[in-house]
Amino acid sequence: MKYILTATFILFSFFLIAQNDKESTPKQSQNIEIKSSFTSYKFIENGERISRKDLLKKLENNEAAFNLLKKSNTGNTFYIISSIIGGGLIGIPLGDYVAGRPS
């Protein structure tokens, strides 16, 4: 009798786990392709280009991917400002030298 109850309980547990797993898996998988261009990244879904803002909206349900994408843009403003200043500090004296103007 114990064997039959134990076997029934285990079998019932497997059915519940399988049903729960079936409901928790996404219905359709989304593939988003990321291509690097000269100045930025291109996000492509189903052959159409989507913006970074739309990609963030789509990734709100996937917390790990959403946080990774948000984290990738944290220092972007600082890097742009510092590269403009650095380019000016190098480019202006170089341009003066090429033009033959004294520094």
N, C-alpha and C. Protein backbone atom coordinates (compact mmCIF):
# COMPACT_ATOMS: atom_id res chain seq x y z
N MET A 1 0.82 -1.20 0.00
CA MET A 1 0.00 0.00 0.00
C MET A 1 0.87 1.26 0.00
N LYS A 2 1.96 1.27 0.79
CA LYS A 2 2.85 2.42 0.82
C LYS A 2 3.48 2.65 -0.55
N TYR A 3 3.81 1.55 -1.23
CA TYR A 3 4.45 1.65 -2.53
C TYR A 3 3.50 2.30 -3.55
N ILE A 4 2.25 1.95 -3.54
CA ILE A 4 1.28 2.51 -4.48
C ILE A 4 1.04 3.99 -4.19
N LEU A 5 0.94 4.36 -2.92
CA LEU A 5 0.75 5.78 -2.57
C LEU A 5 1.98 6.61 -2.95
N THR A 6 3.15 6.08 -2.68
CA THR A 6 4.38 6.79 -3.02
C THR A 6 4.51 6.96 -4.53
N ALA A 7 4.26 5.91 -5.28
CA ALA A 7 4.35 5.97 -6.73
C ALA A 7 3.33 6.95 -7.30
N THR A 8 2.13 6.95 -6.77
CA THR A 8 1.09 7.88 -7.22
C THR A 8 1.47 9.32 -6.91
N PHE A 9 2.00 9.55 -5.73
CA PHE A 9 2.43 10.89 -5.34
C PHE A 9 3.55 11.39 -6.25
N ILE A 10 4.54 10.54 -6.53
CA ILE A 10 5.66 10.94 -7.40
C ILE A 10 5.16 11.21 -8.81
N LEU A 11 4.32 10.36 -9.34
CA LEU A 11 3.78 10.54 -10.68
C LEU A 11 2.96 11.83 -10.77
N PHE A 12 2.13 12.07 -9.77
CA PHE A 12 1.33 13.30 -9.72
C PHE A 12 2.23 14.54 -9.65
N SER A 13 3.31 14.46 -8.89
CA SER A 13 4.26 15.58 -8.76
C SER A 13 4.92 15.88 -10.10
N PHE A 14 5.30 14.83 -10.84
CA PHE A 14 5.90 15.04 -12.16
C PHE A 14 4.94 15.74 -13.11
N PHE A 15 3.66 15.34 -13.08
CA PHE A 15 2.68 15.99 -13.93
C PHE A 15 2.50 17.46 -13.57
N LEU A 16 2.49 17.78 -12.29
CA LEU A 16 2.36 19.18 -11.88
C LEU A 16 3.56 20.00 -12.29
N ILE A 17 4.75 19.44 -12.11
CA ILE A 17 5.98 20.15 -12.50
C ILE A 17 6.01 20.38 -14.00
N ALA A 18 5.65 19.36 -14.77
CA ALA A 18 5.64 19.49 -16.23
C ALA A 18 4.64 20.54 -16.68
N GLN A 19 3.47 20.56 -16.08
CA GLN A 19 2.45 21.54 -16.43
C GLN A 19 2.90 22.95 -16.09
N ASN A 20 3.52 23.12 -14.93
CA ASN A 20 4.00 24.43 -14.50
C ASN A 20 5.12 24.90 -15.42
N ASP A 21 6.02 24.02 -15.80
CA ASP A 21 7.12 24.38 -16.68
C ASP A 21 6.60 24.76 -18.06
N LYS A 22 5.59 24.09 -18.53
CA LYS A 22 5.00 24.38 -19.83
C LYS A 22 4.37 25.77 -19.85
N GLU A 23 3.74 26.17 -18.77
CA GLU A 23 3.10 27.48 -18.71
C GLU A 23 4.11 28.60 -18.53
N SER A 24 5.25 28.32 -17.91
CA SER A 24 6.21 29.39 -17.63
C SER A 24 7.15 29.67 -18.79
N THR A 25 7.24 28.77 -19.76
CA THR A 25 8.12 29.01 -20.89
C THR A 25 7.46 29.98 -21.85
N PRO A 26 8.25 30.85 -22.48
CA PRO A 26 7.67 31.83 -23.40
C PRO A 26 7.06 31.14 -24.62
N LYS A 27 6.02 31.73 -25.14
CA LYS A 27 5.32 31.16 -26.28
C LYS A 27 6.15 31.26 -27.56
N GLN A 28 6.85 32.36 -27.72
CA GLN A 28 7.67 32.51 -28.91
C GLN A 28 8.99 33.15 -28.51
N SER A 29 10.01 32.73 -29.16
CA SER A 29 11.33 33.25 -28.85
C SER A 29 11.62 34.43 -29.78
N GLN A 30 12.28 35.44 -29.25
CA GLN A 30 12.62 36.61 -30.04
C GLN A 30 14.12 36.63 -30.25
N ASN A 31 14.51 36.77 -31.48
CA ASN A 31 15.92 36.92 -31.80
C ASN A 31 16.16 38.36 -32.23
N ILE A 32 17.03 39.02 -31.51
CA ILE A 32 17.39 40.39 -31.84
C ILE A 32 18.86 40.39 -32.19
N GLU A 33 19.16 40.82 -33.39
CA GLU A 33 20.53 40.83 -33.88
C GLU A 33 21.15 42.20 -33.61
N ILE A 34 22.40 42.21 -33.16
CA ILE A 34 23.09 43.46 -32.88
C ILE A 34 24.28 43.56 -33.83
N LYS A 35 24.30 44.62 -34.61
CA LYS A 35 25.40 44.85 -35.54
C LYS A 35 26.11 46.15 -35.17
N SER A 36 27.40 46.15 -35.27
CA SER A 36 28.19 47.33 -34.95
C SER A 36 28.42 48.14 -36.22
N SER A 37 28.10 49.43 -36.15
CA SER A 37 28.42 50.32 -37.26
C SER A 37 29.57 51.22 -36.82
N PHE A 38 29.92 52.18 -37.64
CA PHE A 38 31.07 53.02 -37.33
C PHE A 38 30.86 53.84 -36.06
N THR A 39 29.68 54.37 -35.87
CA THR A 39 29.46 55.25 -34.72
C THR A 39 28.59 54.67 -33.63
N SER A 40 27.83 53.62 -33.93
CA SER A 40 26.90 53.09 -32.93
C SER A 40 26.58 51.63 -33.23
N TYR A 41 25.57 51.12 -32.57
CA TYR A 41 25.09 49.77 -32.79
C TYR A 41 23.73 49.81 -33.47
N LYS A 42 23.47 48.81 -34.31
CA LYS A 42 22.17 48.67 -34.95
C LYS A 42 21.50 47.45 -34.34
N PHE A 43 20.25 47.59 -33.94
CA PHE A 43 19.47 46.50 -33.38
C PHE A 43 18.44 46.08 -34.43
N ILE A 44 18.47 44.81 -34.83
CA ILE A 44 17.62 44.32 -35.90
C ILE A 44 16.78 43.17 -35.38
N GLU A 45 15.46 43.29 -35.55
CA GLU A 45 14.53 42.23 -35.16
C GLU A 45 13.65 41.90 -36.36
N ASN A 46 13.65 40.65 -36.76
CA ASN A 46 12.87 40.16 -37.90
C ASN A 46 13.15 40.98 -39.16
N GLY A 47 14.40 41.35 -39.39
CA GLY A 47 14.78 42.09 -40.58
C GLY A 47 14.54 43.58 -40.51
N GLU A 48 13.91 44.08 -39.45
CA GLU A 48 13.64 45.51 -39.31
C GLU A 48 14.54 46.11 -38.25
N ARG A 49 15.02 47.30 -38.52
CA ARG A 49 15.85 47.99 -37.55
C ARG A 49 14.96 48.60 -36.47
N ILE A 50 15.34 48.40 -35.20
CA ILE A 50 14.59 48.99 -34.10
C ILE A 50 15.52 49.91 -33.31
N SER A 51 14.94 50.89 -32.66
CA SER A 51 15.74 51.85 -31.91
C SER A 51 16.12 51.26 -30.55
N ARG A 52 17.07 51.89 -29.91
CA ARG A 52 17.51 51.46 -28.59
C ARG A 52 16.36 51.58 -27.57
N LYS A 53 15.56 52.63 -27.74
CA LYS A 53 14.42 52.85 -26.84
C LYS A 53 13.40 51.71 -26.97
N ASP A 54 13.12 51.30 -28.22
CA ASP A 54 12.19 50.18 -28.43
C ASP A 54 12.76 48.88 -27.87
N LEU A 55 14.07 48.71 -28.01
CA LEU A 55 14.71 47.51 -27.49
C LEU A 55 14.61 47.46 -25.96
N LEU A 56 14.78 48.60 -25.32
CA LEU A 56 14.62 48.64 -23.86
C LEU A 56 13.20 48.27 -23.44
N LYS A 57 12.21 48.73 -24.21
CA LYS A 57 10.81 48.38 -23.90
C LYS A 57 10.58 46.88 -24.04
N LYS A 58 11.19 46.27 -25.07
CA LYS A 58 11.01 44.84 -25.29
C LYS A 58 11.72 44.00 -24.23
N LEU A 59 12.80 44.54 -23.66
CA LEU A 59 13.58 43.78 -22.69
C LEU A 59 13.15 44.02 -21.24
N GLU A 60 12.09 44.76 -21.02
CA GLU A 60 11.65 45.04 -19.64
C GLU A 60 11.32 43.76 -18.87
N ASN A 61 10.81 42.74 -19.55
CA ASN A 61 10.45 41.49 -18.89
C ASN A 61 11.68 40.64 -18.55
N ASN A 62 12.75 40.79 -19.32
CA ASN A 62 13.99 40.04 -19.08
C ASN A 62 14.94 40.93 -18.28
N GLU A 63 14.91 40.77 -16.98
CA GLU A 63 15.63 41.69 -16.09
C GLU A 63 17.14 41.69 -16.33
N ALA A 64 17.73 40.52 -16.56
CA ALA A 64 19.18 40.45 -16.75
C ALA A 64 19.61 41.19 -18.01
N ALA A 65 18.90 40.97 -19.11
CA ALA A 65 19.24 41.63 -20.37
C ALA A 65 18.96 43.13 -20.29
N PHE A 66 17.87 43.50 -19.63
CA PHE A 66 17.50 44.91 -19.48
C PHE A 66 18.58 45.66 -18.70
N ASN A 67 19.02 45.09 -17.57
CA ASN A 67 20.05 45.74 -16.76
C ASN A 67 21.37 45.83 -17.50
N LEU A 68 21.71 44.81 -18.28
CA LEU A 68 22.96 44.83 -19.04
C LEU A 68 22.94 45.92 -20.10
N LEU A 69 21.81 46.08 -20.78
CA LEU A 69 21.71 47.12 -21.81
C LEU A 69 21.75 48.51 -21.19
N LYS A 70 21.06 48.70 -20.05
CA LYS A 70 21.09 50.00 -19.36
C LYS A 70 22.50 50.32 -18.87
N LYS A 71 23.19 49.31 -18.35
CA LYS A 71 24.53 49.50 -17.80
C LYS A 71 25.53 49.86 -18.90
N SER A 72 25.29 49.39 -20.11
CA SER A 72 26.23 49.64 -21.21
C SER A 72 26.25 51.11 -21.62
N ASN A 73 25.25 51.88 -21.24
CA ASN A 73 25.15 53.28 -21.65
C ASN A 73 25.45 54.25 -20.52
N THR A 74 25.92 53.77 -19.35
CA THR A 74 26.07 54.66 -18.20
C THR A 74 27.11 55.75 -18.41
N GLY A 75 28.27 55.45 -18.94
CA GLY A 75 29.32 56.46 -19.07
C GLY A 75 29.39 57.09 -20.43
N ASN A 76 28.38 56.90 -21.26
CA ASN A 76 28.43 57.36 -22.64
C ASN A 76 28.60 58.87 -22.76
N THR A 77 27.91 59.66 -21.98
CA THR A 77 28.00 61.12 -22.05
C THR A 77 29.40 61.59 -21.68
N PHE A 78 29.95 61.03 -20.61
CA PHE A 78 31.30 61.40 -20.19
C PHE A 78 32.32 61.08 -21.28
N TYR A 79 32.18 59.93 -21.93
CA TYR A 79 33.13 59.53 -22.97
C TYR A 79 33.04 60.43 -24.19
N ILE A 80 31.84 60.86 -24.53
CA ILE A 80 31.68 61.75 -25.68
C ILE A 80 32.32 63.11 -25.40
N ILE A 81 32.06 63.67 -24.23
CA ILE A 81 32.62 64.98 -23.87
C ILE A 81 34.14 64.92 -23.82
N SER A 82 34.69 63.88 -23.17
CA SER A 82 36.15 63.78 -23.06
C SER A 82 36.80 63.54 -24.42
N SER A 83 36.14 62.82 -25.33
CA SER A 83 36.74 62.60 -26.65
C SER A 83 36.72 63.89 -27.48
N ILE A 84 35.69 64.72 -27.32
CA ILE A 84 35.65 66.00 -28.04
C ILE A 84 36.76 66.91 -27.54
N ILE A 85 36.93 66.99 -26.24
CA ILE A 85 37.99 67.83 -25.66
C ILE A 85 39.36 67.31 -26.08
N GLY A 86 39.56 66.00 -25.99
CA GLY A 86 40.85 65.42 -26.38
C GLY A 86 41.14 65.61 -27.85
N GLY A 87 40.11 65.44 -28.69
CA GLY A 87 40.30 65.66 -30.13
C GLY A 87 40.67 67.10 -30.44
N GLY A 88 40.04 68.04 -29.71
CA GLY A 88 40.38 69.46 -29.91
C GLY A 88 41.80 69.77 -29.47
N LEU A 89 42.22 69.20 -28.32
CA LEU A 89 43.57 69.45 -27.82
C LEU A 89 44.64 68.88 -28.74
N ILE A 90 44.34 67.83 -29.44
CA ILE A 90 45.30 67.25 -30.37
C ILE A 90 45.13 67.87 -31.76
N GLY A 91 43.89 68.06 -32.20
CA GLY A 91 43.63 68.51 -33.56
C GLY A 91 43.99 69.96 -33.84
N ILE A 92 43.78 70.85 -32.88
CA ILE A 92 44.07 72.27 -33.12
C ILE A 92 45.57 72.51 -33.32
N PRO A 93 46.46 72.02 -32.43
CA PRO A 93 47.88 72.21 -32.69
C PRO A 93 48.36 71.50 -33.96
N LEU A 94 47.79 70.34 -34.26
CA LEU A 94 48.16 69.62 -35.48
C LEU A 94 47.72 70.40 -36.71
N GLY A 95 46.51 70.97 -36.67
CA GLY A 95 46.04 71.78 -37.79
C GLY A 95 46.88 73.04 -37.97
N ASP A 96 47.30 73.66 -36.87
CA ASP A 96 48.18 74.83 -36.96
C ASP A 96 49.52 74.46 -37.59
N TYR A 97 50.05 73.31 -37.23
CA TYR A 97 51.34 72.86 -37.77
C TYR A 97 51.23 72.58 -39.26
N VAL A 98 50.16 71.92 -39.67
CA VAL A 98 49.97 71.61 -41.10
C VAL A 98 49.76 72.88 -41.90
N ALA A 99 49.06 73.86 -41.33
CA ALA A 99 48.80 75.10 -42.04
C ALA A 99 50.02 76.04 -42.03
N GLY A 100 51.02 75.72 -41.24
CA GLY A 100 52.23 76.55 -41.20
C GLY A 100 52.13 77.72 -40.26
N ARG A 101 51.13 77.74 -39.40
CA ARG A 101 51.00 78.81 -38.43
C ARG A 101 51.85 78.50 -37.21
N PRO A 102 52.49 79.53 -36.65
CA PRO A 102 53.26 79.25 -35.41
C PRO A 102 52.33 79.03 -34.23
N SER A 103 52.76 78.15 -33.31
CA SER A 103 51.92 77.90 -32.14
C SER A 103 52.10 78.93 -31.08
